[in-house]
Amino acid sequence: MTAALWIVAAVVFIAFEAIAAAAVPSYSYVAQYISVLGVPEWSPRAPLMNSAFYLQGAFFLGGAVLAARAVRGGWTGTVFVLLAATNAAGNALIGYVHGFSPLWNEGYEWLHGFGAFLAICGGNLAVVVGSAVVGRGLAARWYTPIGVMIGIAGLVIGAMLQTYARWATDFAHIGLVERACVYTILAWQILTGIVLLTRTRPDVVAADVR
């Protein structure tokens, strides 16, 4: 079940993003933020994009809860779930406080940026901790170090995104930088889902993690 939740969430997010982007001929994956596709006044398929944020957050959290229970993750499992919940809250804020939404128009647009911070940082930290938690139930020793490296890469790129105005004044590829630290989470979900389906240890409750 965990594997299905994570794989479906990642695939649906990428698919919905592509479908929404296809409706905006001028949209650039390289130069524009993902959440721009969630602005109804500009993106004809904005509800689809915002639904992708909600679904990603909910399924990522749901999978984290199941995985932590299945491998009896202890305090690290609890931290993993809390970080996944942070990511879910961030994704919910991104989808709800989109451009020109009621809260945005009332001066709470900062909630959108805060949501992005929670989703990216919380998600990539969850990847780091989750790699150790999930790794307990796998027969693949290489999985945990690779998963941790994916999460660290996302955090480093996320830090670059937060300081973008300082180091990249003339660099027009903000969309590329943002996607790099969002897609690390999605890539980890797909990788982990596939590994869970193929390399789960016999002594782990496979029904929960698969």
Protein backbone atom coordinates (compact mmCIF):
# COMPACT_ATOMS: atom_id res chain seq x y z
CA MET A 1 0.00 0.00 0.00
CA THR A 2 2.85 2.40 0.83
CA ALA A 3 4.52 1.75 -2.52
CA ALA A 4 1.26 2.33 -4.40
CA LEU A 5 0.54 5.61 -2.59
CA TRP A 6 3.98 7.06 -3.29
CA ILE A 7 4.22 5.94 -6.91
CA VAL A 8 0.68 7.07 -7.76
CA ALA A 9 1.19 10.46 -6.09
CA ALA A 10 4.41 11.15 -7.99
CA VAL A 11 3.10 9.98 -11.36
CA VAL A 12 -0.18 11.87 -11.01
CA PHE A 13 1.63 15.06 -9.96
CA ILE A 14 3.90 14.96 -13.00
CA ALA A 15 1.00 14.08 -15.30
CA PHE A 16 -1.34 16.79 -13.97
CA GLU A 17 1.46 19.33 -14.20
CA ALA A 18 2.07 18.41 -17.85
CA ILE A 19 -1.64 18.55 -18.68
CA ALA A 20 -1.98 21.96 -17.02
CA ALA A 21 1.14 23.27 -18.74
CA ALA A 22 -0.13 22.08 -22.14
CA ALA A 23 -3.08 24.47 -21.80
CA VAL A 24 -0.75 27.48 -21.47
CA PRO A 25 1.32 27.77 -24.66
CA SER A 26 3.59 30.45 -23.20
CA TYR A 27 4.43 28.43 -20.08
CA SER A 28 8.07 27.52 -19.48
CA TYR A 29 9.19 24.65 -17.24
CA VAL A 30 12.60 26.33 -17.04
CA ALA A 31 11.65 29.92 -16.31
CA GLN A 32 8.38 29.76 -14.32
CA TYR A 33 7.26 28.39 -10.96
CA ILE A 34 5.16 25.22 -10.82
CA SER A 35 2.41 26.91 -8.80
CA VAL A 36 1.79 29.44 -11.57
CA LEU A 37 -0.16 26.63 -13.20
CA GLY A 38 -2.52 26.77 -10.22
CA VAL A 39 -3.65 30.36 -10.84
CA PRO A 40 -7.17 30.20 -12.40
CA GLU A 41 -6.91 33.66 -13.95
CA TRP A 42 -3.91 32.53 -15.96
CA SER A 43 -4.10 28.74 -16.19
CA PRO A 44 -7.25 27.13 -17.68
CA ARG A 45 -6.52 23.87 -15.86
CA ALA A 46 -5.59 25.41 -12.51
CA PRO A 47 -7.92 23.12 -10.49
CA LEU A 48 -6.03 20.12 -11.86
CA MET A 49 -2.67 21.52 -10.75
CA ASN A 50 -3.93 22.47 -7.31
CA SER A 51 -5.47 19.01 -6.94
CA ALA A 52 -2.01 17.58 -7.65
CA PHE A 53 -0.58 19.52 -4.70
CA TYR A 54 -3.31 18.23 -2.37
CA LEU A 55 -2.98 14.64 -3.54
CA GLN A 56 0.82 14.63 -3.34
CA GLY A 57 0.78 15.88 0.23
CA ALA A 58 -1.94 13.48 1.38
CA PHE A 59 -0.49 10.37 -0.27
CA PHE A 60 3.07 11.14 0.82
CA LEU A 61 1.87 11.44 4.42
CA GLY A 62 -0.32 8.36 4.19
CA GLY A 63 2.56 6.28 2.89
CA ALA A 64 4.85 7.59 5.65
CA VAL A 65 2.38 6.52 8.35
CA LEU A 66 2.05 3.03 6.89
CA ALA A 67 5.80 2.61 6.43
CA ALA A 68 6.61 3.75 9.97
CA ARG A 69 4.09 1.30 11.40
CA ALA A 70 5.23 -1.59 9.23
CA VAL A 71 8.90 -1.40 10.21
CA ARG A 72 8.22 -0.24 13.79
CA GLY A 73 10.29 2.87 13.19
CA GLY A 74 10.36 4.11 16.80
CA TRP A 75 11.30 7.78 17.27
CA THR A 76 12.79 8.01 13.76
CA GLY A 77 9.50 6.76 12.38
CA THR A 78 7.68 9.46 14.33
CA VAL A 79 10.04 12.13 12.99
CA PHE A 80 9.49 10.80 9.47
CA VAL A 81 5.71 11.07 9.84
CA LEU A 82 5.96 14.60 11.30
CA LEU A 83 8.15 15.74 8.41
CA ALA A 84 5.76 14.17 5.91
CA ALA A 85 2.93 16.03 7.65
CA THR A 86 4.91 19.25 7.25
CA ASN A 87 5.18 18.54 3.54
CA ALA A 88 1.45 17.83 3.35
CA ALA A 89 0.61 21.11 5.12
CA GLY A 90 2.90 22.97 2.75
CA ASN A 91 1.32 21.44 -0.33
CA ALA A 92 -2.14 22.27 1.00
CA LEU A 93 -1.15 25.92 1.46
CA ILE A 94 0.31 26.07 -2.05
CA GLY A 95 -2.89 24.73 -3.58
CA TYR A 96 -5.27 26.77 -1.43
CA VAL A 97 -3.50 30.14 -1.33
CA HIS A 98 -2.86 30.37 -5.04
CA GLY A 99 -2.53 33.62 -6.95
CA PHE A 100 -5.68 35.79 -6.72
CA SER A 101 -7.35 33.42 -4.24
CA PRO A 102 -9.35 35.10 -1.43
CA LEU A 103 -6.51 34.86 1.10
CA TRP A 104 -4.00 36.04 -1.49
CA ASN A 105 -6.14 39.10 -2.30
CA GLU A 106 -6.53 39.88 1.42
CA GLY A 107 -2.78 40.21 1.89
CA TYR A 108 -1.94 36.68 2.97
CA GLU A 109 0.05 35.80 -0.14
CA TRP A 110 3.00 35.09 2.16
CA LEU A 111 1.22 31.88 3.15
CA HIS A 112 1.85 30.59 -0.36
CA GLY A 113 5.60 31.11 -0.06
CA PHE A 114 5.56 29.64 3.44
CA GLY A 115 3.75 26.61 2.08
CA ALA A 116 6.40 26.14 -0.58
CA PHE A 117 9.10 26.31 2.09
CA LEU A 118 7.32 23.68 4.21
CA ALA A 119 6.69 21.40 1.24
CA ILE A 120 10.23 21.53 -0.11
CA CYS A 121 12.21 21.52 3.14
CA GLY A 122 9.82 19.22 5.01
CA GLY A 123 9.61 16.87 2.05
CA ASN A 124 13.35 16.57 1.48
CA LEU A 125 14.05 16.18 5.20
CA ALA A 126 11.41 13.45 5.19
CA VAL A 127 13.29 11.78 2.36
CA VAL A 128 16.51 11.79 4.42
CA VAL A 129 14.85 10.34 7.54
CA GLY A 130 12.48 8.14 5.58
CA SER A 131 15.37 6.49 3.75
CA ALA A 132 16.68 5.25 7.08
CA VAL A 133 13.24 4.16 8.27
CA VAL A 134 12.23 2.36 5.09
CA GLY A 135 15.71 0.90 4.72
CA ARG A 136 15.10 -1.23 7.83
CA GLY A 137 12.57 -3.28 5.93
CA LEU A 138 14.61 -3.75 2.77
CA ALA A 139 17.13 -6.34 1.67
CA ALA A 140 19.00 -3.73 -0.39
CA ARG A 141 21.88 -2.15 1.56
CA TRP A 142 22.49 0.45 -1.15
CA TYR A 143 19.01 1.94 -0.74
CA THR A 144 19.48 4.03 2.42
CA PRO A 145 22.66 5.92 1.37
CA ILE A 146 21.21 6.67 -2.05
CA GLY A 147 17.93 7.84 -0.54
CA VAL A 148 19.76 10.08 1.93
CA MET A 149 21.81 11.60 -0.89
CA ILE A 150 18.63 12.36 -2.85
CA GLY A 151 17.17 14.18 0.15
CA ILE A 152 20.38 16.12 0.84
CA ALA A 153 20.55 17.16 -2.82
CA GLY A 154 16.97 18.45 -2.53
CA LEU A 155 17.82 20.41 0.61
CA VAL A 156 20.89 21.99 -0.98
CA ILE A 157 18.95 23.02 -4.06
CA GLY A 158 16.11 24.21 -1.82
CA ALA A 159 18.58 26.47 -0.01
CA MET A 160 19.67 27.79 -3.40
CA LEU A 161 16.04 28.53 -4.19
CA GLN A 162 15.57 30.45 -0.92
CA THR A 163 18.64 32.60 -1.67
CA TYR A 164 17.91 32.86 -5.38
CA ALA A 165 17.73 36.68 -5.46
CA ARG A 166 21.26 36.91 -4.06
CA TRP A 167 23.18 34.59 -6.33
CA ALA A 168 21.19 34.56 -9.56
CA THR A 169 20.01 38.09 -10.32
CA ASP A 170 20.45 37.58 -14.07
CA PHE A 171 19.62 33.88 -14.13
CA ALA A 172 16.18 33.33 -15.65
CA HIS A 173 15.85 29.64 -14.84
CA ILE A 174 13.94 29.85 -11.54
CA GLY A 175 11.55 27.13 -12.69
CA LEU A 176 14.43 24.75 -13.20
CA VAL A 177 15.85 25.42 -9.72
CA GLU A 178 12.45 24.96 -8.09
CA ARG A 179 11.72 21.74 -9.94
CA ALA A 180 15.09 20.31 -9.04
CA CYS A 181 14.23 20.41 -5.31
CA VAL A 182 10.62 19.32 -5.80
CA TYR A 183 11.39 16.45 -8.15
CA THR A 184 13.89 14.96 -5.71
CA ILE A 185 10.92 14.12 -3.50
CA LEU A 186 8.94 12.65 -6.39
CA ALA A 187 11.96 10.69 -7.64
CA TRP A 188 12.48 9.24 -4.15
CA GLN A 189 8.85 8.19 -3.97
CA ILE A 190 9.06 6.33 -7.26
CA LEU A 191 12.42 4.74 -6.41
CA THR A 192 11.26 3.72 -2.94
CA GLY A 193 7.97 2.38 -4.26
CA ILE A 194 9.72 0.18 -6.80
CA VAL A 195 12.24 -1.08 -4.23
CA LEU A 196 9.46 -1.83 -1.75
CA LEU A 197 7.69 -3.91 -4.36
CA THR A 198 10.78 -5.92 -5.21
CA ARG A 199 13.21 -5.98 -2.26
CA THR A 200 11.12 -6.09 0.92
CA ARG A 201 12.51 -8.36 3.63
CA PRO A 202 10.36 -11.44 4.40
CA ASP A 203 10.20 -10.58 8.11
CA VAL A 204 8.53 -7.22 7.43
CA VAL A 205 4.76 -6.88 7.17
CA ALA A 206 4.71 -6.69 3.39
CA ALA A 207 1.00 -5.90 3.17
CA ASP A 208 1.63 -2.48 4.75
CA VAL A 209 4.73 -1.43 2.86
CA ARG A 210 3.70 -2.79 -0.49
